[in-house]
Amino acid sequence: MKIDLAIRGGRLATPTGVIETDIFVRDGRVLALGQLNDIKAFKEIDARGLVVMPGMVDAHVHMMDPGHTEREDFTTGTAAAAVGGVTTVIEHHRTEPPVHNVKIFRDKVAHCEPKAVVDFAFMGGAIPGNLDELKDMWDAGAVAFKTFVCELHGVVPMPAGPMRELFKTLTTFDGTTLIHAEDDSILKTNESILRQAKRTDYLSVYDWRSEDAEYMAVNTVVNLASQTGARAICAHVSQPACLGLISEARLKGAHVYAESCPHYFYATTEDLAKKGPWLKFAPAVRPPETVAEMRKALGMGLVDYIGTDHCPFPKEMKAAGTDDIWAAPYGIPGVETTLRLMLNLAYRGVLELPDLVRMLCETPARIYGLYPWKGCLMPGSDADLILVDPQKREMVRNQDIVSKCGWSPFDGMELTGKVVKTLLRGKIVAEAGRPTGEPGDGRFVPRTGSANAQYVKSSTPN
C-alpha cells in the first residue's frame, strides 16, 4: 500500500499519555497509527526527537475581518495561527457588522474562506434583542454564541434577566454560550471612583477590572446555568476563586466550563506597573500570589481549556496609553505564543504533555462540536498536527511576530518548547517559525450535527 504521507519516529502526545508511533495520512485524514513498515508513502517526515500533537483548537480569536483590518485580517491572523501551532481557530462575532443573524453569518463565511490559511469555525453574538436569531445561526454551523455581562468594545451587555432568557432559549436547541463575565455595575462604580480621583496610572486598570467584578459575574452565570440547564462557558477566567465556583457547580451537575488564557499564568500586577498599555486586557492581570495559585489550579485540572483571546492592535494605538492608560484599547495578540507559553509551563513541571493536549486540543474540540474531526489524531480524523521540539529554547521577539500588529507582550522572554512544523490535513502550513500555507488552504468547519455540516459529511471515513 502506498499513501500520501508518513510521519515516522515521533512521540505522540494524547490526553492519556505519550506513545511512540508512526502516523499515516491519506487524503488529508489520519489513516492509521503504528509502526507499519509495509506501508510506503510518497512523502515522509522524520519526527525522531520530536513530540507530535494534534493541532491546537483556539476557541477565542478576534481576527476583526471584515471591519477592522488595520488591526488584523483573516490571512495574517490565520498565518500567525499556523506558526503558533493552531490549525483551527474559532472566530468571534465582533466584526463589521457584528454576527447577529444567519445572513451576516453566511456572508462572513464567504468573505473569510478564501483568506484562511488554517481551518476556522464561527461564533455568533447574543444580545438581548436577537434571541430569535440564534437557532438559525446554530443550524448554519455556529459552534456557540458569545455574550458580554458588561459593556465593553461597544457590545450591548447582557445583565442577569436577559441572560436568563438567553439560557432558556439555548436549552430549546442544546446551544452553547461563551460569556465575558465581569459585573457591569461594579465596573462602572470602579470607573467612576478612578476618574474622580484623576487616576491615569497603569495600575488603575487592575483597580477598574477588580477581582470582585469577575467573581460576582461568574457566580451569576453559574447559578443561572444551574437553574436553567444551559451549557455555558466562562471566558478568560483569571482567578482560582472563579475556577472553584465553576468546578463545584459542575460536580453538582451543571453544564458549566472554564476557559483561561496563558497571560493569567504569567503576567502580574508588577508587570502591568512596568508595561502598562502592552498588558491592558480584560479581565486584568492579577497579583503575583494569584498567578501562582492559578498555576496550581492549572496543574490540578481546574481549567477546562486554554484560549488565546487573540485581540491585536497596532503599536501606535496601544502606545497612546503610555501617559494616560485610559487612552489605550483593551487587547493583546496571542495566537502565535500561547502554545509556546504552555509548553514552557510543562517544561517547568506545572503540567504534563497530556494535560496540554487535553486543554489545547481535545476539550475545545469537544465543547464546540468539532470532535473527532479536530482536536485528536486517530483514524478518520483530519491530519491536523504539529511537530514540537520540547527542548528548544528561544526568545520571543517582536520582529518575529507574523500577526499584523508586529509585537508581543512577552517580547524578550525566553521559552522552552517550540513548534517546528504545522500540518493542516497533511499539508505543511508553517515551518521553522514562518507560514508556508496559502490563503484558501483553510476551510470553514461547521459544528458537527448542524444542518449545514457538509464538511463533516465529506470527511466521514469510508
Protein backbone atom coordinates (compact mmCIF):
# COMPACT_ATOMS: atom_id res chain seq x y z
CA MET A 1 0.00 0.00 0.00
CA LYS A 2 1.24 3.49 -0.85
CA ILE A 3 -0.17 6.54 0.86
CA ASP A 4 0.36 10.30 0.84
CA LEU A 5 2.39 10.88 3.99
CA ALA A 6 4.12 9.03 6.80
CA ILE A 7 5.39 10.76 9.93
CA ARG A 8 7.88 8.41 11.50
CA GLY A 9 9.74 8.17 14.79
CA GLY A 10 7.89 10.78 16.80
CA ARG A 11 6.36 10.60 20.26
CA LEU A 12 2.61 11.17 20.00
CA ALA A 13 1.10 13.11 22.91
CA THR A 14 -2.52 12.24 23.72
CA PRO A 15 -4.73 13.19 26.69
CA THR A 16 -3.95 9.83 28.29
CA GLY A 17 -0.21 9.58 27.68
CA VAL A 18 2.71 9.77 25.27
CA ILE A 19 3.40 6.87 22.90
CA GLU A 20 5.98 6.15 20.22
CA THR A 21 4.17 5.61 16.94
CA ASP A 22 4.19 6.46 13.28
CA ILE A 23 1.27 8.34 11.74
CA PHE A 24 -0.02 7.63 8.25
CA VAL A 25 -2.05 10.12 6.23
CA ARG A 26 -4.22 9.64 3.14
CA ASP A 27 -6.49 12.22 1.51
CA GLY A 28 -5.92 14.69 4.32
CA ARG A 29 -7.02 12.34 7.09
CA VAL A 30 -5.29 10.03 9.52
CA LEU A 31 -5.33 6.55 8.01
CA ALA A 32 -3.57 4.60 10.74
CA LEU A 33 -1.21 4.75 13.71
CA GLY A 34 1.52 2.23 14.48
CA GLN A 35 4.88 1.02 13.31
CA LEU A 36 3.85 -0.43 9.97
CA ASN A 37 6.92 -0.93 7.79
CA ASP A 38 4.94 -2.36 4.88
CA ILE A 39 3.19 0.97 4.27
CA LYS A 40 5.05 3.20 1.83
CA ALA A 41 4.41 6.90 1.41
CA PHE A 42 5.03 9.43 -1.33
CA LYS A 43 6.42 11.73 1.37
CA GLU A 44 7.94 11.02 4.76
CA ILE A 45 8.71 13.31 7.68
CA ASP A 46 11.38 12.28 10.18
CA ALA A 47 9.99 13.15 13.62
CA ARG A 48 12.70 11.49 15.71
CA GLY A 49 13.39 13.53 18.83
CA LEU A 50 10.14 15.46 18.41
CA VAL A 51 6.75 15.36 20.07
CA VAL A 52 3.71 15.10 17.78
CA MET A 53 0.48 16.73 18.95
CA PRO A 54 -2.90 17.39 17.37
CA GLY A 55 -3.11 20.93 16.04
CA MET A 56 -4.39 23.37 18.64
CA VAL A 57 -8.06 24.36 18.50
CA ASP A 58 -8.10 28.01 19.54
CA ALA A 59 -11.63 28.84 20.66
CA HIS A 60 -11.03 32.54 21.29
CA VAL A 61 -9.72 34.74 18.48
CA HIS A 62 -10.68 38.17 17.16
CA MET A 63 -9.37 38.49 13.61
CA MET A 64 -11.53 41.60 13.02
CA ASP A 65 -12.12 40.83 9.35
CA PRO A 66 -14.31 42.26 7.89
CA GLY A 67 -14.27 45.64 9.54
CA HIS A 68 -11.02 46.45 11.34
CA THR A 69 -8.32 45.03 9.11
CA GLU A 70 -5.85 47.70 10.22
CA ARG A 71 -5.61 45.51 13.33
CA GLU A 72 -5.61 42.07 11.71
CA ASP A 73 -7.04 40.42 8.64
CA PHE A 74 -8.07 36.83 8.19
CA THR A 75 -4.96 35.92 6.21
CA THR A 76 -2.39 37.46 8.56
CA GLY A 77 -4.27 36.14 11.59
CA THR A 78 -4.59 32.57 10.35
CA ALA A 79 -0.98 32.59 9.10
CA ALA A 80 0.07 33.63 12.60
CA ALA A 81 -2.10 30.83 13.97
CA ALA A 82 -0.29 28.29 11.78
CA VAL A 83 3.08 29.47 13.10
CA GLY A 84 1.74 29.11 16.64
CA GLY A 85 0.63 25.50 16.09
CA VAL A 86 -3.08 26.39 15.78
CA THR A 87 -4.84 24.51 12.98
CA THR A 88 -8.42 25.53 13.80
CA VAL A 89 -9.50 28.96 15.02
CA ILE A 90 -12.93 29.81 16.36
CA GLU A 91 -13.54 33.40 15.34
CA HIS A 92 -15.85 35.58 17.44
CA HIS A 93 -18.66 37.79 16.29
CA ARG A 94 -17.22 41.31 16.76
CA THR A 95 -16.60 42.13 13.12
CA GLU A 96 -18.47 44.67 10.98
CA PRO A 97 -21.33 44.15 11.01
CA PRO A 98 -21.46 42.03 14.21
CA VAL A 99 -22.66 38.48 13.56
CA HIS A 100 -26.18 38.75 14.97
CA ASN A 101 -28.18 36.83 12.35
CA VAL A 102 -27.75 33.99 9.89
CA LYS A 103 -27.34 36.20 6.80
CA ILE A 104 -24.38 38.02 8.34
CA PHE A 105 -23.02 34.65 9.49
CA ARG A 106 -23.11 33.20 5.97
CA ASP A 107 -21.73 36.38 4.42
CA LYS A 108 -18.79 36.25 6.82
CA VAL A 109 -18.07 32.61 5.93
CA ALA A 110 -17.98 33.54 2.24
CA HIS A 111 -15.75 36.52 2.99
CA CYS A 112 -13.23 34.65 5.13
CA GLU A 113 -12.89 31.25 3.46
CA PRO A 114 -10.74 32.45 0.51
CA LYS A 115 -8.44 34.20 3.02
CA ALA A 116 -7.94 31.39 5.53
CA VAL A 117 -4.56 29.68 5.95
CA VAL A 118 -5.92 27.30 8.62
CA ASP A 119 -9.41 25.95 9.26
CA PHE A 120 -11.97 28.03 11.10
CA ALA A 121 -15.33 27.94 12.82
CA PHE A 122 -17.52 30.86 13.89
CA MET A 123 -19.42 32.02 16.93
CA GLY A 124 -22.45 34.21 16.64
CA GLY A 125 -23.21 37.03 19.02
CA ALA A 126 -26.03 37.02 21.56
CA ILE A 127 -27.56 40.30 22.73
CA PRO A 128 -30.92 41.00 24.40
CA GLY A 129 -32.60 41.78 21.07
CA ASN A 130 -31.60 38.82 18.88
CA LEU A 131 -32.53 35.67 20.78
CA ASP A 132 -34.91 34.64 18.00
CA GLU A 133 -31.98 34.67 15.53
CA LEU A 134 -29.79 32.16 17.39
CA LYS A 135 -31.35 28.90 16.21
CA ASP A 136 -30.83 29.75 12.53
CA MET A 137 -27.17 30.51 13.16
CA TRP A 138 -26.85 27.26 15.13
CA ASP A 139 -28.32 25.31 12.23
CA ALA A 140 -25.91 27.06 9.84
CA GLY A 141 -22.97 25.70 11.83
CA ALA A 142 -22.25 28.20 14.62
CA VAL A 143 -20.38 26.49 17.45
CA ALA A 144 -21.58 28.87 20.20
CA PHE A 145 -22.80 32.38 20.95
CA LYS A 146 -20.63 34.99 22.64
CA THR A 147 -22.21 37.37 25.11
CA PHE A 148 -20.96 40.04 27.49
CA VAL A 149 -22.19 40.67 31.01
CA CYS A 150 -20.55 44.11 30.90
CA GLU A 151 -20.32 46.98 28.45
CA LEU A 152 -17.06 46.52 26.54
CA HIS A 153 -15.90 47.01 22.94
CA GLY A 154 -19.23 48.65 22.16
CA VAL A 155 -21.14 45.39 22.73
CA VAL A 156 -24.62 45.56 24.27
CA PRO A 157 -24.32 43.96 27.76
CA MET A 158 -26.45 41.03 28.92
CA PRO A 159 -27.49 41.55 32.56
CA ALA A 160 -28.97 38.76 34.67
CA GLY A 161 -32.59 39.00 33.44
CA PRO A 162 -31.84 38.86 29.70
CA MET A 163 -29.12 36.27 30.37
CA ARG A 164 -31.68 34.00 31.99
CA GLU A 165 -33.80 34.30 28.84
CA LEU A 166 -30.75 33.58 26.70
CA PHE A 167 -30.07 30.43 28.68
CA LYS A 168 -33.69 29.31 28.37
CA THR A 169 -33.51 29.89 24.61
CA LEU A 170 -30.32 27.84 24.31
CA THR A 171 -31.89 24.85 26.04
CA THR A 172 -34.53 24.62 23.30
CA PHE A 173 -31.86 23.54 20.80
CA ASP A 174 -28.99 22.43 23.08
CA GLY A 175 -26.93 25.51 22.27
CA THR A 176 -23.75 26.81 23.90
CA THR A 177 -22.73 30.26 25.07
CA LEU A 178 -19.33 31.74 25.93
CA ILE A 179 -19.59 34.60 28.39
CA HIS A 180 -17.34 37.54 29.18
CA ALA A 181 -18.09 37.62 32.90
CA GLU A 182 -17.41 40.91 34.71
CA ASP A 183 -20.21 42.58 36.65
CA ASP A 184 -21.19 45.79 34.85
CA SER A 185 -22.39 47.65 37.94
CA ILE A 186 -19.16 47.07 39.86
CA LEU A 187 -17.05 48.06 36.88
CA LYS A 188 -18.93 51.30 36.39
CA THR A 189 -18.66 52.14 40.07
CA ASN A 190 -14.92 51.44 39.97
CA GLU A 191 -14.53 53.58 36.87
CA SER A 192 -16.38 56.50 38.43
CA ILE A 193 -14.18 56.41 41.53
CA LEU A 194 -10.98 56.22 39.47
CA ARG A 195 -11.97 59.05 37.15
CA GLN A 196 -12.99 61.27 40.03
CA ALA A 197 -9.57 60.64 41.55
CA LYS A 198 -8.00 61.55 38.16
CA ARG A 199 -6.06 58.28 38.13
CA THR A 200 -4.17 57.71 34.86
CA ASP A 201 -1.51 55.29 36.17
CA TYR A 202 -1.14 51.79 34.80
CA LEU A 203 -2.45 50.02 37.90
CA SER A 204 -5.80 51.77 37.55
CA VAL A 205 -6.62 49.02 35.01
CA TYR A 206 -6.35 46.47 37.81
CA ASP A 207 -8.43 48.60 40.19
CA TRP A 208 -11.06 49.07 37.50
CA ARG A 209 -11.37 45.40 36.40
CA SER A 210 -11.38 44.17 40.01
CA GLU A 211 -11.50 40.56 41.21
CA ASP A 212 -14.92 41.03 42.80
CA ALA A 213 -16.40 42.18 39.48
CA GLU A 214 -15.35 38.92 37.85
CA TYR A 215 -16.36 36.78 40.83
CA MET A 216 -19.86 38.27 41.03
CA ALA A 217 -20.46 37.77 37.32
CA VAL A 218 -19.17 34.18 37.29
CA ASN A 219 -21.37 33.42 40.29
CA THR A 220 -24.41 34.74 38.40
CA VAL A 221 -23.55 32.73 35.28
CA VAL A 222 -23.07 29.55 37.30
CA ASN A 223 -26.35 29.96 39.17
CA LEU A 224 -28.41 30.74 36.07
CA ALA A 225 -26.85 27.86 34.14
CA SER A 226 -27.56 25.52 37.06
CA GLN A 227 -31.19 26.62 37.24
CA THR A 228 -31.90 26.51 33.50
CA GLY A 229 -29.72 23.55 32.46
CA ALA A 230 -27.97 25.61 29.78
CA ARG A 231 -24.41 24.91 28.62
CA ALA A 232 -22.22 27.92 29.46
CA ILE A 233 -18.51 28.66 29.37
CA CYS A 234 -16.89 31.46 31.34
CA ALA A 235 -14.26 33.09 29.15
CA HIS A 236 -10.71 34.04 30.22
CA VAL A 237 -11.07 33.14 33.90
CA SER A 238 -8.33 34.96 35.80
CA GLN A 239 -8.56 33.77 39.42
CA PRO A 240 -8.79 30.48 41.34
CA ALA A 241 -11.93 31.54 43.24
CA CYS A 242 -13.87 31.63 39.96
CA LEU A 243 -12.44 28.29 38.87
CA GLY A 244 -13.70 26.91 42.18
CA LEU A 245 -17.23 28.18 41.56
CA ILE A 246 -17.31 26.53 38.16
CA SER A 247 -15.81 23.24 39.32
CA GLU A 248 -18.19 22.97 42.28
CA ALA A 249 -21.22 23.66 40.09
CA ARG A 250 -20.19 21.04 37.55
CA LEU A 251 -19.78 18.46 40.31
CA LYS A 252 -23.43 19.16 41.12
CA GLY A 253 -24.48 18.55 37.52
CA ALA A 254 -24.33 21.99 35.90
CA HIS A 255 -23.05 22.25 32.32
CA VAL A 256 -20.50 24.98 33.02
CA TYR A 257 -16.87 25.18 31.91
CA ALA A 258 -13.82 27.35 32.46
CA GLU A 259 -11.66 28.87 29.74
CA SER A 260 -8.44 30.61 30.71
CA CYS A 261 -5.57 32.23 28.80
CA PRO A 262 -1.78 31.97 29.10
CA HIS A 263 -1.36 35.55 30.30
CA TYR A 264 -3.14 34.67 33.55
CA PHE A 265 -0.33 32.22 34.34
CA TYR A 266 2.49 34.65 33.54
CA ALA A 267 1.65 38.37 33.74
CA THR A 268 1.15 40.05 37.13
CA THR A 269 0.32 43.48 38.50
CA GLU A 270 4.07 44.03 38.84
CA ASP A 271 4.38 43.59 35.08
CA LEU A 272 1.39 45.86 34.48
CA ALA A 273 3.05 48.61 36.53
CA LYS A 274 6.01 48.46 34.12
CA LYS A 275 4.40 47.70 30.74
CA GLY A 276 1.06 49.49 31.09
CA PRO A 277 -0.83 49.57 27.77
CA TRP A 278 1.01 46.50 26.46
CA LEU A 279 -0.66 44.46 29.21
CA LYS A 280 -4.05 46.13 29.13
CA PHE A 281 -6.73 43.49 28.64
CA ALA A 282 -9.91 42.39 30.39
CA PRO A 283 -10.18 40.83 32.91
CA ALA A 284 -6.99 42.48 34.13
CA VAL A 285 -3.76 40.91 35.31
CA ARG A 286 -3.73 39.76 38.93
CA PRO A 287 -1.19 40.00 41.79
CA PRO A 288 1.79 37.57 41.81
CA GLU A 289 0.28 35.40 44.53
CA THR A 290 -2.92 34.95 42.48
CA VAL A 291 -0.90 33.98 39.41
CA ALA A 292 0.98 31.41 41.48
CA GLU A 293 -2.34 29.95 42.65
CA MET A 294 -3.61 29.92 39.06
CA ARG A 295 -0.65 27.75 38.11
CA LYS A 296 -1.52 25.33 40.90
CA ALA A 297 -5.14 25.24 39.75
CA LEU A 298 -3.96 24.56 36.20
CA GLY A 299 -1.94 21.57 37.38
CA MET A 300 -4.96 20.30 39.33
CA GLY A 301 -7.11 20.23 36.18
CA LEU A 302 -9.49 23.04 37.18
CA VAL A 303 -9.08 24.78 33.80
CA ASP A 304 -11.07 23.07 31.06
CA TYR A 305 -9.32 24.60 28.08
CA ILE A 306 -6.94 27.37 27.05
CA GLY A 307 -7.85 30.04 24.50
CA THR A 308 -5.58 32.83 23.32
CA ASP A 309 -8.05 35.76 23.33
CA HIS A 310 -6.03 36.98 20.35
CA CYS A 311 -7.07 40.64 20.07
CA PRO A 312 -4.25 42.63 18.43
CA PHE A 313 -3.94 46.38 17.97
CA PRO A 314 -1.30 48.36 16.05
CA LYS A 315 1.59 49.61 18.17
CA GLU A 316 0.56 53.23 17.83
CA MET A 317 -2.91 52.51 19.22
CA LYS A 318 -1.52 50.78 22.30
CA ALA A 319 1.23 53.38 22.75
CA ALA A 320 -1.47 56.04 23.07
CA GLY A 321 -1.86 54.85 26.66
CA THR A 322 1.75 55.49 27.64
CA ASP A 323 0.97 58.68 29.54
CA ASP A 324 -2.72 58.04 30.16
CA ILE A 325 -3.70 54.38 30.43
CA TRP A 326 -7.34 55.18 29.62
CA ALA A 327 -6.29 56.04 26.05
CA ALA A 328 -5.11 52.50 25.23
CA PRO A 329 -7.58 49.90 23.92
CA TYR A 330 -8.11 46.53 25.59
CA GLY A 331 -6.47 43.52 23.97
CA ILE A 332 -3.19 41.74 23.21
CA PRO A 333 -2.04 39.33 20.49
CA GLY A 334 -1.60 35.70 21.49
CA VAL A 335 -2.27 33.20 18.74
CA GLU A 336 1.46 32.76 18.00
CA THR A 337 2.75 32.50 21.55
CA THR A 338 0.11 30.56 23.52
CA LEU A 339 1.34 27.07 22.72
CA ARG A 340 4.93 28.07 23.43
CA LEU A 341 3.96 29.60 26.77
CA MET A 342 2.07 26.46 27.75
CA LEU A 343 4.91 24.18 26.61
CA ASN A 344 7.19 26.25 28.81
CA LEU A 345 4.91 25.54 31.79
CA ALA A 346 5.14 21.84 31.00
CA TYR A 347 8.93 22.12 30.92
CA ARG A 348 8.76 23.74 34.38
CA GLY A 349 6.64 20.89 35.73
CA VAL A 350 3.43 22.88 36.16
CA LEU A 351 1.58 20.36 33.98
CA GLU A 352 2.28 17.40 31.71
CA LEU A 353 2.13 16.99 27.93
CA PRO A 354 -1.14 15.00 28.11
CA ASP A 355 -2.66 17.91 30.03
CA LEU A 356 -1.64 20.23 27.19
CA VAL A 357 -3.33 18.07 24.59
CA ARG A 358 -6.48 17.93 26.67
CA MET A 359 -6.66 21.69 27.26
CA LEU A 360 -5.38 22.97 23.91
CA CYS A 361 -6.82 20.40 21.53
CA GLU A 362 -9.37 17.81 22.61
CA THR A 363 -11.55 19.66 25.12
CA PRO A 364 -12.23 22.77 22.99
CA ALA A 365 -12.98 20.50 20.03
CA ARG A 366 -15.44 18.52 22.15
CA ILE A 367 -17.14 21.51 23.78
CA TYR A 368 -17.64 23.30 20.47
CA GLY A 369 -18.80 20.31 18.42
CA LEU A 370 -15.71 19.81 16.22
CA TYR A 371 -14.57 16.48 17.66
CA PRO A 372 -13.47 13.92 16.41
CA TRP A 373 -12.54 15.67 13.17
CA LYS A 374 -10.49 18.18 15.14
CA GLY A 375 -8.59 18.02 18.42
CA CYS A 376 -7.29 14.47 18.15
CA LEU A 377 -5.25 12.17 15.94
CA MET A 378 -6.98 8.87 15.32
CA PRO A 379 -8.10 7.05 12.19
CA GLY A 380 -10.61 9.20 10.34
CA SER A 381 -9.60 12.48 11.99
CA ASP A 382 -8.26 15.35 9.94
CA ALA A 383 -4.48 15.15 9.75
CA ASP A 384 -4.03 18.44 11.60
CA LEU A 385 -0.88 18.08 13.65
CA ILE A 386 2.18 19.84 14.95
CA LEU A 387 5.74 18.72 15.49
CA VAL A 388 7.26 20.14 18.65
CA ASP A 389 10.87 20.29 19.80
CA PRO A 390 10.34 20.08 23.58
CA GLN A 391 13.91 21.15 24.39
CA LYS A 392 14.25 24.10 22.00
CA ARG A 393 14.98 27.31 23.90
CA GLU A 394 14.20 30.52 22.09
CA MET A 395 13.31 34.09 22.92
CA VAL A 396 10.04 35.72 21.95
CA ARG A 397 10.92 38.70 19.73
CA ASN A 398 8.68 41.35 18.26
CA GLN A 399 10.49 41.15 14.92
CA ASP A 400 9.44 37.51 14.55
CA ILE A 401 5.72 38.11 15.08
CA VAL A 402 3.63 37.27 11.99
CA SER A 403 0.44 38.92 13.22
CA LYS A 404 -0.16 42.29 11.59
CA CYS A 405 0.39 44.08 14.92
CA GLY A 406 4.10 43.09 14.97
CA TRP A 407 4.50 42.88 18.75
CA SER A 408 4.02 40.59 21.74
CA PRO A 409 3.66 41.46 25.44
CA PHE A 410 6.14 38.63 26.04
CA ASP A 411 8.89 40.19 23.91
CA GLY A 412 12.26 39.28 25.44
CA MET A 413 11.03 36.23 27.38
CA GLU A 414 12.97 33.01 26.78
CA LEU A 415 10.74 29.94 26.49
CA THR A 416 11.44 26.22 26.24
CA GLY A 417 9.46 24.30 23.62
CA LYS A 418 8.93 25.29 20.01
CA VAL A 419 6.60 24.29 17.17
CA VAL A 420 8.85 23.33 14.25
CA LYS A 421 6.14 22.23 11.77
CA THR A 422 2.39 22.69 11.49
CA LEU A 423 0.36 20.47 9.16
CA LEU A 424 -3.23 21.09 8.08
CA ARG A 425 -4.85 17.96 6.62
CA GLY A 426 -1.37 16.68 5.89
CA LYS A 427 -0.05 19.84 4.23
CA ILE A 428 2.74 21.85 5.87
CA VAL A 429 1.36 25.33 6.52
CA ALA A 430 4.13 26.60 8.82
CA GLU A 431 7.74 25.61 9.34
CA ALA A 432 10.65 27.00 11.35
CA GLY A 433 8.62 29.91 12.64
CA ARG A 434 7.30 31.13 9.27
CA PRO A 435 3.99 30.47 7.48
CA THR A 436 4.18 28.34 4.34
CA GLY A 437 0.46 27.85 3.75
CA GLU A 438 -1.58 29.97 1.38
CA PRO A 439 -4.91 31.79 1.58
CA GLY A 440 -7.59 29.25 0.74
CA ASP A 441 -5.82 26.32 2.41
CA GLY A 442 -8.19 26.74 5.34
CA ARG A 443 -11.86 25.75 5.28
CA PHE A 444 -14.97 26.69 7.20
CA VAL A 445 -15.77 23.93 9.69
CA PRO A 446 -19.42 23.93 10.83
CA ARG A 447 -20.40 22.28 14.07
CA THR A 448 -20.90 18.52 13.91
CA GLY A 449 -24.61 17.80 13.68
CA SER A 450 -25.56 21.17 12.23
CA ALA A 451 -27.87 21.32 9.26
CA ASN A 452 -25.02 22.84 7.25
CA ALA A 453 -22.35 20.27 8.16
CA GLN A 454 -21.31 19.41 4.60
CA TYR A 455 -17.68 19.45 5.75
CA VAL A 456 -18.24 16.67 8.25
CA LYS A 457 -20.22 14.62 5.72
CA SER A 458 -17.42 14.92 3.18
CA SER A 459 -14.84 13.94 5.81
CA THR A 460 -16.60 10.79 7.01
CA PRO A 461 -14.18 7.86 6.70
CA ASN A 462 -15.06 5.14 4.22
